[in-house]
Amino acid sequence: MNNTKEEMIKCICDHIRSMEDGTVSTFSKIVAAVCGDNDSEMDLFDMYHEVRDRLEYEIDFDSGEYTDSIVGLPYNIPFIIRKKSSK
């Protein structure tokens, strides 16, 4: 995928929105599914935070199992997608 960073972030957000509530994944797996495995040119750390900021009011990325743990880079930590209900 030879798109701009902004286009990739939009595609990643759309993909996450389409995932079922309760799905377990990692950000790096989602990026690989959407953008392919060529992440060597991507700043996953920056993209991870940008996507989470954009979806803040729609999705809760539940990684509570790993709270207070040192397990690695944030984009490799598994989370459960919890869709927030609109009120």
N, C-alpha and C. Protein backbone atom coordinates (compact mmCIF):
# COMPACT_ATOMS: atom_id res chain seq x y z
N MET A 1 0.84 -1.17 0.00
CA MET A 1 0.00 0.00 0.00
C MET A 1 0.89 1.24 0.00
N ASN A 2 0.84 2.02 -1.03
CA ASN A 2 1.66 3.22 -1.13
C ASN A 2 0.80 4.46 -0.93
N ASN A 3 0.18 4.54 0.19
CA ASN A 3 -0.66 5.68 0.51
C ASN A 3 0.05 6.57 1.51
N THR A 4 -0.50 7.75 1.68
CA THR A 4 0.06 8.65 2.68
C THR A 4 -0.26 8.12 4.07
N LYS A 5 0.43 8.64 5.04
CA LYS A 5 0.19 8.24 6.43
C LYS A 5 -1.26 8.52 6.81
N GLU A 6 -1.78 9.66 6.40
CA GLU A 6 -3.16 10.03 6.70
C GLU A 6 -4.15 9.02 6.11
N GLU A 7 -3.92 8.59 4.88
CA GLU A 7 -4.79 7.60 4.25
C GLU A 7 -4.71 6.26 4.97
N MET A 8 -3.50 5.87 5.39
CA MET A 8 -3.35 4.61 6.12
C MET A 8 -4.07 4.66 7.46
N ILE A 9 -3.96 5.78 8.16
CA ILE A 9 -4.62 5.91 9.45
C ILE A 9 -6.13 5.84 9.28
N LYS A 10 -6.66 6.49 8.24
CA LYS A 10 -8.10 6.42 7.97
C LYS A 10 -8.53 4.99 7.70
N CYS A 11 -7.76 4.26 6.89
CA CYS A 11 -8.09 2.86 6.58
C CYS A 11 -8.03 1.98 7.83
N ILE A 12 -7.05 2.22 8.68
CA ILE A 12 -6.92 1.46 9.92
C ILE A 12 -8.12 1.74 10.83
N CYS A 13 -8.50 3.00 10.97
CA CYS A 13 -9.66 3.37 11.78
C CYS A 13 -10.93 2.71 11.24
N ASP A 14 -11.12 2.75 9.93
CA ASP A 14 -12.29 2.11 9.31
C ASP A 14 -12.30 0.61 9.57
N HIS A 15 -11.13 -0.01 9.48
CA HIS A 15 -11.02 -1.45 9.72
C HIS A 15 -11.39 -1.79 11.17
N ILE A 16 -10.88 -1.02 12.10
CA ILE A 16 -11.18 -1.26 13.52
C ILE A 16 -12.67 -1.07 13.78
N ARG A 17 -13.26 -0.04 13.18
CA ARG A 17 -14.70 0.18 13.35
C ARG A 17 -15.51 -1.01 12.85
N SER A 18 -15.00 -1.70 11.83
CA SER A 18 -15.73 -2.82 11.23
C SER A 18 -15.54 -4.13 12.01
N MET A 19 -14.61 -4.16 12.94
CA MET A 19 -14.35 -5.37 13.72
C MET A 19 -15.46 -5.58 14.75
N GLU A 20 -15.74 -6.83 15.04
CA GLU A 20 -16.80 -7.15 16.00
C GLU A 20 -16.37 -6.80 17.42
N ASP A 21 -17.35 -6.38 18.20
CA ASP A 21 -17.13 -6.13 19.61
C ASP A 21 -16.61 -7.41 20.26
N GLY A 22 -15.57 -7.29 21.07
CA GLY A 22 -15.00 -8.45 21.74
C GLY A 22 -13.84 -9.10 21.00
N THR A 23 -13.51 -8.59 19.82
CA THR A 23 -12.39 -9.12 19.05
C THR A 23 -11.08 -8.82 19.76
N VAL A 24 -10.19 -9.80 19.80
CA VAL A 24 -8.86 -9.63 20.40
C VAL A 24 -7.85 -9.47 19.27
N SER A 25 -7.01 -8.46 19.36
CA SER A 25 -5.98 -8.24 18.35
C SER A 25 -4.88 -7.37 18.93
N THR A 26 -3.92 -7.03 18.08
CA THR A 26 -2.90 -6.04 18.41
C THR A 26 -2.89 -5.02 17.30
N PHE A 27 -2.38 -3.84 17.60
CA PHE A 27 -2.33 -2.80 16.58
C PHE A 27 -1.44 -3.23 15.41
N SER A 28 -0.33 -3.88 15.71
CA SER A 28 0.58 -4.29 14.63
C SER A 28 -0.07 -5.32 13.71
N LYS A 29 -0.91 -6.21 14.24
CA LYS A 29 -1.63 -7.18 13.40
C LYS A 29 -2.66 -6.48 12.52
N ILE A 30 -3.32 -5.49 13.07
CA ILE A 30 -4.31 -4.74 12.29
C ILE A 30 -3.63 -3.98 11.16
N VAL A 31 -2.50 -3.36 11.46
CA VAL A 31 -1.75 -2.63 10.42
C VAL A 31 -1.31 -3.60 9.33
N ALA A 32 -0.83 -4.78 9.70
CA ALA A 32 -0.41 -5.77 8.70
C ALA A 32 -1.59 -6.20 7.83
N ALA A 33 -2.77 -6.36 8.43
CA ALA A 33 -3.95 -6.77 7.67
C ALA A 33 -4.41 -5.68 6.70
N VAL A 34 -4.29 -4.43 7.12
CA VAL A 34 -4.78 -3.32 6.31
C VAL A 34 -3.74 -2.83 5.32
N CYS A 35 -2.50 -2.72 5.76
CA CYS A 35 -1.45 -2.08 4.96
C CYS A 35 -0.43 -3.08 4.42
N GLY A 36 -0.54 -4.33 4.79
CA GLY A 36 0.47 -5.30 4.39
C GLY A 36 1.57 -5.36 5.42
N ASP A 37 2.50 -6.25 5.21
CA ASP A 37 3.57 -6.47 6.18
C ASP A 37 4.73 -5.49 6.02
N ASN A 38 4.65 -4.58 5.10
CA ASN A 38 5.75 -3.65 4.86
C ASN A 38 5.65 -2.47 5.82
N ASP A 39 5.90 -2.74 7.11
CA ASP A 39 5.80 -1.67 8.09
C ASP A 39 7.15 -1.04 8.42
N SER A 40 8.17 -1.40 7.66
CA SER A 40 9.50 -0.87 7.94
C SER A 40 9.57 0.64 7.75
N GLU A 41 8.70 1.18 6.90
CA GLU A 41 8.71 2.61 6.64
C GLU A 41 7.68 3.35 7.50
N MET A 42 6.92 2.63 8.30
CA MET A 42 5.88 3.25 9.10
C MET A 42 6.36 3.46 10.52
N ASP A 43 5.92 4.53 11.11
CA ASP A 43 6.17 4.79 12.52
C ASP A 43 4.97 4.26 13.29
N LEU A 44 5.03 2.98 13.67
CA LEU A 44 3.89 2.34 14.32
C LEU A 44 3.54 3.00 15.65
N PHE A 45 4.53 3.47 16.37
CA PHE A 45 4.28 4.11 17.65
C PHE A 45 3.41 5.35 17.46
N ASP A 46 3.78 6.19 16.52
CA ASP A 46 3.02 7.42 16.23
C ASP A 46 1.63 7.09 15.71
N MET A 47 1.55 6.12 14.78
CA MET A 47 0.25 5.74 14.21
C MET A 47 -0.67 5.15 15.27
N TYR A 48 -0.11 4.35 16.16
CA TYR A 48 -0.88 3.74 17.24
C TYR A 48 -1.59 4.81 18.07
N HIS A 49 -0.85 5.83 18.46
CA HIS A 49 -1.43 6.90 19.27
C HIS A 49 -2.42 7.74 18.48
N GLU A 50 -2.14 7.98 17.22
CA GLU A 50 -3.06 8.75 16.38
C GLU A 50 -4.40 8.01 16.22
N VAL A 51 -4.35 6.72 15.96
CA VAL A 51 -5.58 5.93 15.79
C VAL A 51 -6.36 5.89 17.10
N ARG A 52 -5.69 5.65 18.19
CA ARG A 52 -6.38 5.61 19.49
C ARG A 52 -7.03 6.96 19.81
N ASP A 53 -6.35 8.05 19.50
CA ASP A 53 -6.92 9.37 19.73
C ASP A 53 -8.17 9.59 18.88
N ARG A 54 -8.13 9.16 17.63
CA ARG A 54 -9.28 9.36 16.73
C ARG A 54 -10.48 8.51 17.13
N LEU A 55 -10.24 7.35 17.70
CA LEU A 55 -11.33 6.44 18.05
C LEU A 55 -11.71 6.50 19.53
N GLU A 56 -11.17 7.48 20.23
CA GLU A 56 -11.33 7.59 21.68
C GLU A 56 -12.79 7.52 22.13
N TYR A 57 -13.71 8.13 21.37
CA TYR A 57 -15.10 8.18 21.79
C TYR A 57 -15.94 7.05 21.19
N GLU A 58 -15.31 6.19 20.39
CA GLU A 58 -16.03 5.09 19.75
C GLU A 58 -15.63 3.72 20.27
N ILE A 59 -14.35 3.55 20.56
CA ILE A 59 -13.78 2.23 20.88
C ILE A 59 -12.95 2.33 22.16
N ASP A 60 -13.12 1.32 23.01
CA ASP A 60 -12.22 1.16 24.15
C ASP A 60 -11.29 0.01 23.81
N PHE A 61 -10.01 0.26 23.83
CA PHE A 61 -9.01 -0.77 23.56
C PHE A 61 -8.62 -1.37 24.91
N ASP A 62 -9.31 -2.42 25.30
CA ASP A 62 -9.17 -3.01 26.63
C ASP A 62 -7.95 -3.92 26.70
N SER A 63 -6.90 -3.41 27.29
CA SER A 63 -5.70 -4.21 27.51
C SER A 63 -5.43 -4.33 29.01
N GLY A 64 -6.53 -4.33 29.78
CA GLY A 64 -6.45 -4.35 31.23
C GLY A 64 -5.66 -5.51 31.80
N GLU A 65 -5.63 -6.61 31.08
CA GLU A 65 -4.86 -7.77 31.52
C GLU A 65 -3.38 -7.43 31.68
N TYR A 66 -2.94 -6.40 30.97
CA TYR A 66 -1.52 -6.04 30.96
C TYR A 66 -1.21 -4.76 31.75
N THR A 67 -2.20 -4.25 32.49
CA THR A 67 -1.99 -3.05 33.29
C THR A 67 -0.86 -3.29 34.30
N ASP A 68 0.01 -2.33 34.41
CA ASP A 68 1.16 -2.38 35.32
C ASP A 68 2.16 -3.48 34.97
N SER A 69 2.10 -3.98 33.74
CA SER A 69 3.06 -4.99 33.28
C SER A 69 4.03 -4.36 32.30
N ILE A 70 5.19 -4.89 32.24
CA ILE A 70 6.17 -4.48 31.24
C ILE A 70 6.22 -5.61 30.23
N VAL A 71 5.54 -5.40 29.10
CA VAL A 71 5.41 -6.49 28.13
C VAL A 71 5.91 -6.14 26.73
N GLY A 72 6.33 -4.92 26.53
CA GLY A 72 6.85 -4.57 25.21
C GLY A 72 6.25 -3.29 24.68
N LEU A 73 6.38 -3.11 23.39
CA LEU A 73 5.90 -1.90 22.73
C LEU A 73 4.37 -1.90 22.71
N PRO A 74 3.76 -0.72 22.87
CA PRO A 74 2.30 -0.67 22.99
C PRO A 74 1.55 -1.22 21.78
N TYR A 75 2.14 -1.11 20.60
CA TYR A 75 1.42 -1.61 19.42
C TYR A 75 1.49 -3.13 19.28
N ASN A 76 2.21 -3.80 20.16
CA ASN A 76 2.26 -5.27 20.16
C ASN A 76 1.50 -5.89 21.33
N ILE A 77 0.89 -5.07 22.16
CA ILE A 77 0.15 -5.57 23.32
C ILE A 77 -1.28 -5.92 22.89
N PRO A 78 -1.71 -7.15 23.15
CA PRO A 78 -3.09 -7.53 22.78
C PRO A 78 -4.13 -6.70 23.53
N PHE A 79 -5.23 -6.43 22.85
CA PHE A 79 -6.35 -5.72 23.46
C PHE A 79 -7.65 -6.33 22.96
N ILE A 80 -8.72 -6.07 23.70
CA ILE A 80 -10.06 -6.48 23.30
C ILE A 80 -10.79 -5.23 22.84
N ILE A 81 -11.42 -5.31 21.68
CA ILE A 81 -12.18 -4.16 21.18
C ILE A 81 -13.52 -4.13 21.91
N ARG A 82 -13.76 -3.02 22.56
CA ARG A 82 -15.03 -2.79 23.27
C ARG A 82 -15.66 -1.54 22.66
N LYS A 83 -16.72 -1.74 21.89
CA LYS A 83 -17.38 -0.60 21.26
C LYS A 83 -18.21 0.14 22.29
N LYS A 84 -18.07 1.46 22.29
CA LYS A 84 -18.81 2.30 23.22
C LYS A 84 -20.18 2.58 22.61
N SER A 85 -21.18 2.53 23.43
CA SER A 85 -22.52 2.81 22.93
C SER A 85 -22.71 4.32 22.84
N SER A 86 -23.40 4.73 21.79
CA SER A 86 -23.66 6.16 21.64
C SER A 86 -24.89 6.51 22.47
N LYS A 87 -24.78 7.57 23.21
CA LYS A 87 -25.90 7.96 24.10
C LYS A 87 -26.51 9.25 23.66
